Amino acid sequence: MSRPLAFLHSDFGRLGLVDMDSDLAVHVHPHLHVSMNVGGADTRFEVRGRSYPSTGDTAVLINAWEPHAWRQAPGAAETLFLT
């Protein structure tokens, strides 16, 4: 389940802090999407069927209308994302 902790909407777009502990279905956004793992378990994003690491040392950038999903590793702890 994802638990939104904070969101900010402004002219620049939307910024969110979300605690995730279960898979996120394939979906799209009408805007560029940046996701950074800021705490918890290292994980991966799927973008157009390819897997990309999401760790404290990486950011996943996703183009507008690019299909993407997040898959939690079995048995992994939750992950805190800044998006």
Protein backbone atom coordinates (compact mmCIF):
# COMPACT_ATOMS: atom_id res chain seq x y z
CA MET A 1 0.00 0.00 0.00
CA SER A 2 1.27 3.49 -0.73
CA ARG A 3 0.94 6.12 1.94
CA PRO A 4 1.30 9.75 0.83
CA LEU A 5 3.12 11.71 3.53
CA ALA A 6 3.24 15.16 1.89
CA PHE A 7 2.40 16.82 -1.42
CA LEU A 8 3.08 20.29 -2.79
CA HIS A 9 1.36 21.64 -5.93
CA SER A 10 2.68 24.77 -7.64
CA ASP A 11 3.44 26.25 -11.06
CA PHE A 12 6.49 23.98 -11.33
CA GLY A 13 4.34 20.85 -10.97
CA ARG A 14 3.81 18.47 -8.09
CA LEU A 15 6.25 17.22 -5.46
CA GLY A 16 5.38 14.25 -3.30
CA LEU A 17 6.82 12.20 -0.47
CA VAL A 18 5.33 8.70 -0.53
CA ASP A 19 5.94 5.62 1.61
CA MET A 20 5.49 2.48 -0.54
CA ASP A 21 5.24 -1.14 0.56
CA SER A 22 3.42 -2.87 -2.30
CA ASP A 23 3.52 -2.96 -6.09
CA LEU A 24 2.37 0.01 -8.14
CA ALA A 25 0.53 -0.95 -11.34
CA VAL A 26 1.69 0.16 -14.77
CA HIS A 27 0.50 3.74 -15.31
CA VAL A 28 1.40 6.99 -17.11
CA HIS A 29 1.51 10.72 -16.33
CA PRO A 30 1.05 13.66 -18.71
CA HIS A 31 4.31 15.17 -17.41
CA LEU A 32 7.95 14.28 -16.78
CA HIS A 33 8.24 12.11 -13.70
CA VAL A 34 11.32 11.90 -11.46
CA SER A 35 11.46 9.39 -8.64
CA MET A 36 14.18 9.22 -5.99
CA ASN A 37 14.56 6.62 -3.26
CA VAL A 38 15.21 8.66 -0.11
CA GLY A 39 14.92 5.88 2.46
CA GLY A 40 14.16 2.25 3.08
CA ALA A 41 14.79 -0.70 0.80
CA ASP A 42 16.59 -0.45 -2.53
CA THR A 43 14.19 -1.36 -5.30
CA ARG A 44 13.56 -1.13 -9.06
CA PHE A 45 11.23 0.64 -11.48
CA GLU A 46 9.99 -0.88 -14.71
CA VAL A 47 9.84 1.56 -17.62
CA ARG A 48 8.58 0.21 -20.95
CA GLY A 49 9.43 -3.31 -19.80
CA ARG A 50 13.02 -2.53 -18.74
CA SER A 51 14.14 -2.60 -15.13
CA TYR A 52 16.03 0.33 -13.55
CA PRO A 53 17.53 0.47 -10.02
CA SER A 54 16.09 2.84 -7.46
CA THR A 55 18.60 3.33 -4.64
CA GLY A 56 19.87 6.17 -2.50
CA ASP A 57 22.43 6.86 -5.26
CA THR A 58 20.10 6.92 -8.28
CA ALA A 59 17.08 8.74 -9.69
CA VAL A 60 14.63 7.31 -12.20
CA LEU A 61 13.51 9.82 -14.84
CA ILE A 62 10.40 8.92 -16.84
CA ASN A 63 9.18 10.83 -19.89
CA ALA A 64 5.61 12.10 -20.18
CA TRP A 65 3.19 9.31 -21.16
CA GLU A 66 5.92 6.67 -20.58
CA PRO A 67 4.39 3.48 -19.10
CA HIS A 68 6.05 2.64 -15.78
CA ALA A 69 5.50 0.57 -12.64
CA TRP A 70 7.18 -0.12 -9.33
CA ARG A 71 7.69 -3.65 -8.12
CA GLN A 72 8.55 -4.31 -4.50
CA ALA A 73 11.06 -7.10 -3.98
CA PRO A 74 9.53 -10.05 -2.12
CA GLY A 75 10.08 -9.64 1.61
CA ALA A 76 11.63 -6.18 1.24
CA ALA A 77 10.91 -3.37 3.67
CA GLU A 78 9.02 -0.27 2.56
CA THR A 79 10.67 2.43 0.44
CA LEU A 80 10.31 6.18 0.84
CA PHE A 81 10.13 8.02 -2.49
CA LEU A 82 10.44 11.69 -3.39
CA THR A 83 8.63 12.17 -6.70
